[in-house]
Amino acid sequence: MRYYKVPQDLHGEEKLIGGVASLRQAAYVVVSFIVGVLVAWPLPISLVNKAGVASLLVVPGIALGFVTVQGMDLDQFVALYYKYYRRRKHFKYERRGRIW
């Protein structure tokens, strides 16, 4: 008889990298690290200050990857928050002629 591996959590992401991070989380960390290094490296300041500037861009990337707010990931929460505040909230009622 064959056995099939069934994931326990069907709604969560699959942890691909060391059983700790999903592909989405790893992408946020790697991309934010690369952007942080590319921004900080050409600056004419000391190496310690470059690390500080790079960390200003890496920390939000780590937060987007790993922090959860109200049961959802931070990137999804920020996207929904932005979508909510961009949406029109005041609707004008206009009475038009009778239908019947």
C-alpha atoms as a PDB file:
ATOM      1  CA  MET A   1       0.000   0.000   0.000  1.00  0.00           C
ATOM      2  CA  ARG A   2       1.296   3.476  -0.848  1.00  0.00           C
ATOM      3  CA  TYR A   3       1.671   6.243   1.658  1.00  0.00           C
ATOM      4  CA  TYR A   4       1.351   9.893   0.722  1.00  0.00           C
ATOM      5  CA  LYS A   5       2.751  12.731   2.790  1.00  0.00           C
ATOM      6  CA  VAL A   6      -0.116  15.075   3.668  1.00  0.00           C
ATOM      7  CA  PRO A   7       0.831  18.481   5.078  1.00  0.00           C
ATOM      8  CA  GLN A   8      -0.605  19.240   8.509  1.00  0.00           C
ATOM      9  CA  ASP A   9      -1.294  22.920   7.860  1.00  0.00           C
ATOM     10  CA  LEU A  10      -3.090  23.319   4.542  1.00  0.00           C
ATOM     11  CA  HIS A  11      -3.449  27.094   4.813  1.00  0.00           C
ATOM     12  CA  GLY A  12       0.125  28.019   5.789  1.00  0.00           C
ATOM     13  CA  GLU A  13       3.172  28.351   3.608  1.00  0.00           C
ATOM     14  CA  GLU A  14       5.535  25.460   3.133  1.00  0.00           C
ATOM     15  CA  LYS A  15       8.841  26.029   4.918  1.00  0.00           C
ATOM     16  CA  LEU A  16      11.399  25.222   2.246  1.00  0.00           C
ATOM     17  CA  ILE A  17      14.601  26.734   3.612  1.00  0.00           C
ATOM     18  CA  GLY A  18      15.802  24.741   6.599  1.00  0.00           C
ATOM     19  CA  GLY A  19      12.260  24.209   7.828  1.00  0.00           C
ATOM     20  CA  VAL A  20      12.307  27.786   9.104  1.00  0.00           C
ATOM     21  CA  ALA A  21      11.568  30.114   6.199  1.00  0.00           C
ATOM     22  CA  SER A  22       9.348  29.940   3.167  1.00  0.00           C
ATOM     23  CA  LEU A  23      10.408  31.081  -0.270  1.00  0.00           C
ATOM     24  CA  ARG A  24       8.522  34.371   0.162  1.00  0.00           C
ATOM     25  CA  GLN A  25      10.265  35.111   3.459  1.00  0.00           C
ATOM     26  CA  ALA A  26      13.689  34.292   2.042  1.00  0.00           C
ATOM     27  CA  ALA A  27      13.018  36.507  -0.977  1.00  0.00           C
ATOM     28  CA  TYR A  28      12.151  39.490   1.262  1.00  0.00           C
ATOM     29  CA  VAL A  29      15.326  39.042   3.304  1.00  0.00           C
ATOM     30  CA  VAL A  30      17.643  38.530   0.307  1.00  0.00           C
ATOM     31  CA  VAL A  31      16.197  41.376  -1.773  1.00  0.00           C
ATOM     32  CA  SER A  32      16.266  43.823   1.151  1.00  0.00           C
ATOM     33  CA  PHE A  33      19.870  42.815   1.931  1.00  0.00           C
ATOM     34  CA  ILE A  34      20.945  43.340  -1.684  1.00  0.00           C
ATOM     35  CA  VAL A  35      19.196  46.724  -1.884  1.00  0.00           C
ATOM     36  CA  GLY A  36      20.701  47.756   1.458  1.00  0.00           C
ATOM     37  CA  VAL A  37      24.218  46.858   0.339  1.00  0.00           C
ATOM     38  CA  LEU A  38      23.777  48.539  -3.061  1.00  0.00           C
ATOM     39  CA  VAL A  39      22.582  51.743  -1.422  1.00  0.00           C
ATOM     40  CA  ALA A  40      25.149  51.819   1.389  1.00  0.00           C
ATOM     41  CA  TRP A  41      28.283  50.645  -0.432  1.00  0.00           C
ATOM     42  CA  PRO A  42      28.971  53.733  -2.626  1.00  0.00           C
ATOM     43  CA  LEU A  43      28.497  56.196   0.254  1.00  0.00           C
ATOM     44  CA  PRO A  44      31.752  57.887   1.345  1.00  0.00           C
ATOM     45  CA  ILE A  45      31.382  57.037   5.058  1.00  0.00           C
ATOM     46  CA  SER A  46      32.977  54.541   7.436  1.00  0.00           C
ATOM     47  CA  LEU A  47      32.130  50.855   7.328  1.00  0.00           C
ATOM     48  CA  VAL A  48      30.178  51.037  10.601  1.00  0.00           C
ATOM     49  CA  ASN A  49      27.986  53.809   9.225  1.00  0.00           C
ATOM     50  CA  LYS A  50      27.485  51.855   5.995  1.00  0.00           C
ATOM     51  CA  ALA A  51      26.253  48.905   8.051  1.00  0.00           C
ATOM     52  CA  GLY A  52      23.842  51.226   9.853  1.00  0.00           C
ATOM     53  CA  VAL A  53      22.465  52.611   6.588  1.00  0.00           C
ATOM     54  CA  ALA A  54      22.126  49.104   5.149  1.00  0.00           C
ATOM     55  CA  SER A  55      20.331  47.911   8.285  1.00  0.00           C
ATOM     56  CA  LEU A  56      17.739  50.663   7.801  1.00  0.00           C
ATOM     57  CA  LEU A  57      16.729  48.847   4.621  1.00  0.00           C
ATOM     58  CA  VAL A  58      17.254  45.259   5.802  1.00  0.00           C
ATOM     59  CA  VAL A  59      15.151  45.468   8.980  1.00  0.00           C
ATOM     60  CA  PRO A  60      11.899  46.365   7.137  1.00  0.00           C
ATOM     61  CA  GLY A  61      12.560  43.470   4.741  1.00  0.00           C
ATOM     62  CA  ILE A  62      12.928  41.061   7.659  1.00  0.00           C
ATOM     63  CA  ALA A  63       9.766  42.490   9.220  1.00  0.00           C
ATOM     64  CA  LEU A  64       7.808  42.036   5.971  1.00  0.00           C
ATOM     65  CA  GLY A  65       8.969  38.440   5.839  1.00  0.00           C
ATOM     66  CA  PHE A  66       8.468  37.262   9.412  1.00  0.00           C
ATOM     67  CA  VAL A  67       6.090  39.547  11.375  1.00  0.00           C
ATOM     68  CA  THR A  68       2.390  38.700  11.658  1.00  0.00           C
ATOM     69  CA  VAL A  69      -0.335  41.224  12.491  1.00  0.00           C
ATOM     70  CA  GLN A  70      -3.842  40.115  13.462  1.00  0.00           C
ATOM     71  CA  GLY A  71      -3.251  36.611  12.127  1.00  0.00           C
ATOM     72  CA  MET A  72      -1.898  37.616   8.705  1.00  0.00           C
ATOM     73  CA  ASP A  73       1.543  38.346   7.334  1.00  0.00           C
ATOM     74  CA  LEU A  74       2.759  41.938   7.479  1.00  0.00           C
ATOM     75  CA  ASP A  75       3.063  42.309   3.705  1.00  0.00           C
ATOM     76  CA  GLN A  76      -0.528  41.190   3.221  1.00  0.00           C
ATOM     77  CA  PHE A  77      -1.657  43.472   6.065  1.00  0.00           C
ATOM     78  CA  VAL A  78       0.114  46.489   4.533  1.00  0.00           C
ATOM     79  CA  ALA A  79      -1.401  45.765   1.115  1.00  0.00           C
ATOM     80  CA  LEU A  80      -4.923  45.502   2.564  1.00  0.00           C
ATOM     81  CA  TYR A  81      -4.363  48.609   4.706  1.00  0.00           C
ATOM     82  CA  TYR A  82      -3.285  50.597   1.635  1.00  0.00           C
ATOM     83  CA  LYS A  83      -6.199  49.247  -0.396  1.00  0.00           C
ATOM     84  CA  TYR A  84      -8.650  50.209   2.357  1.00  0.00           C
ATOM     85  CA  TYR A  85      -7.436  53.808   2.615  1.00  0.00           C
ATOM     86  CA  ARG A  86      -7.361  54.287  -1.156  1.00  0.00           C
ATOM     87  CA  ARG A  87     -10.933  53.088  -1.553  1.00  0.00           C
ATOM     88  CA  ARG A  88     -13.805  55.551  -1.725  1.00  0.00           C
ATOM     89  CA  LYS A  89     -15.821  55.514   1.496  1.00  0.00           C
ATOM     90  CA  HIS A  90     -18.471  58.143   0.977  1.00  0.00           C
ATOM     91  CA  PHE A  91     -21.295  57.152  -1.300  1.00  0.00           C
ATOM     92  CA  LYS A  92     -23.837  59.697  -2.436  1.00  0.00           C
ATOM     93  CA  TYR A  93     -27.432  58.553  -2.600  1.00  0.00           C
ATOM     94  CA  GLU A  94     -29.217  59.840  -5.673  1.00  0.00           C
ATOM     95  CA  ARG A  95     -32.864  59.180  -6.102  1.00  0.00           C
ATOM     96  CA  ARG A  96     -33.702  58.766  -9.715  1.00  0.00           C
ATOM     97  CA  GLY A  97     -37.107  58.375 -11.306  1.00  0.00           C
ATOM     98  CA  ARG A  98     -39.503  55.604 -10.458  1.00  0.00           C
ATOM     99  CA  ILE A  99     -38.742  52.198 -11.805  1.00  0.00           C
ATOM    100  CA  TRP A 100     -42.396  51.101 -12.167  1.00  0.00           C
END
